[in-house]
Protein backbone atom coordinates (compact mmCIF):
# COMPACT_ATOMS: atom_id res chain seq x y z
CA MET A 1 68.85 159.86 143.99
CA SER A 2 67.94 158.69 147.46
CA GLU A 3 70.46 157.67 150.05
CA ARG A 4 71.13 153.94 150.10
CA ARG A 5 72.24 152.00 153.12
CA ARG A 6 73.42 148.44 153.60
CA LEU A 7 73.43 146.08 156.59
CA THR A 8 75.60 142.98 156.44
CA THR A 9 74.59 139.97 158.52
CA GLU A 10 75.85 136.38 158.70
CA SER A 11 73.15 135.30 156.25
CA GLY A 12 73.60 138.08 153.70
CA GLN A 13 73.09 141.78 153.08
CA LEU A 14 70.02 143.94 153.45
CA HIS A 15 69.84 147.08 151.32
CA PHE A 16 67.85 150.10 152.40
CA ALA A 17 66.77 153.10 150.33
CA ASP A 18 63.92 155.55 150.18
CA VAL A 19 61.46 154.03 147.71
CA ALA A 20 58.59 155.87 146.04
CA ASP A 21 55.11 154.35 146.39
CA VAL A 22 55.07 153.45 142.68
CA ASP A 23 58.21 151.33 143.22
CA ARG A 24 56.80 149.37 146.17
CA ALA A 25 55.13 145.98 146.23
CA SER A 26 54.33 143.44 148.89
CA TYR A 27 54.19 139.68 148.89
CA SER A 28 52.01 138.38 151.70
CA ALA A 29 53.09 140.67 154.52
CA VAL A 30 56.61 141.23 153.23
CA PRO A 31 57.36 144.64 151.70
CA ALA A 32 59.61 144.62 148.64
CA THR A 33 60.41 146.69 145.61
CA ALA A 34 58.31 146.26 142.47
CA PRO A 35 59.85 144.09 139.72
CA LEU A 36 60.75 147.05 137.49
CA ARG A 37 62.52 148.85 140.34
CA THR A 38 64.37 145.67 141.30
CA LEU A 39 65.58 145.16 137.73
CA ARG A 40 66.74 148.78 137.48
CA ASP A 41 68.58 148.42 140.78
CA CYS A 42 70.31 145.28 139.45
CA VAL A 43 71.45 147.13 136.31
CA GLU A 44 72.79 150.02 138.42
CA ALA A 45 74.53 147.63 140.83
CA ASN A 46 76.33 145.85 137.96
CA VAL A 47 74.82 142.47 138.71
CA ALA A 48 76.08 139.89 136.19
CA PRO A 49 74.59 140.97 132.84
CA GLY A 50 73.55 137.44 131.88
CA LEU A 51 71.54 137.08 135.08
CA VAL A 52 69.91 140.49 134.65
CA ARG A 53 69.03 139.70 131.03
CA GLN A 54 67.45 136.42 132.12
CA ALA A 55 65.46 138.21 134.85
CA ILE A 56 64.26 140.86 132.37
CA LEU A 57 63.07 138.24 129.89
CA GLN A 58 61.38 136.17 132.57
CA SER A 59 59.67 139.25 134.04
CA ARG A 60 58.31 140.14 130.60
CA ARG A 61 57.05 136.59 129.96
CA ARG A 62 55.28 136.62 133.33
CA GLY A 63 53.66 139.98 132.60
CA LEU A 64 55.49 141.78 135.40
CA ILE A 65 56.91 144.46 133.10
CA THR A 66 55.72 145.95 129.79
CA PRO A 67 57.42 145.49 126.41
CA GLU A 68 58.54 149.13 126.66
CA ASN A 69 60.12 148.49 130.06
CA GLU A 70 61.87 145.41 128.66
CA ALA A 71 63.32 147.39 125.75
CA ARG A 72 64.43 150.23 128.01
CA LEU A 73 66.12 147.87 130.49
CA MET A 74 67.88 145.94 127.72
CA ALA A 75 69.15 149.23 126.28
CA GLU A 76 70.43 150.29 129.70
CA LEU A 77 72.14 146.93 130.10
CA GLU A 78 73.82 147.19 126.68
CA ARG A 79 75.15 150.68 127.50
CA LEU A 80 77.18 149.42 130.43
CA PRO A 81 80.87 149.73 129.54
CA ALA A 82 81.91 146.30 130.84
CA VAL A 83 79.13 144.38 129.10
CA ARG A 84 80.29 142.04 126.36
CA GLU A 85 78.07 140.36 123.78
CA ALA A 86 78.76 136.98 125.40
CA ASP A 87 77.48 138.36 128.73
CA LEU A 88 74.25 139.55 127.10
CA ASN A 89 73.69 136.12 125.63
CA GLY A 90 73.99 134.39 129.00
CA GLY A 91 77.65 133.53 128.51
CA ALA A 92 77.11 131.61 125.28
């Protein structure tokens, strides 16, 4: 795994890591990680499971990830030890 770095500013945090070309995207002139990489990073960073689930579903509906990617990400999310069923259902 690549080294990750973080810079905290008054307006938030910037995260830095070595990113493979396949995981890169750009929006206008702004470099960013591709949707799949971003979702994987969120799972690894223990972002609130309900939010990650919502992002996965929305990414699939928008055609940003494949059905296989969706299934794999949902499986990764469900394997997290702290994830409860209520969290996976958006807190319902």
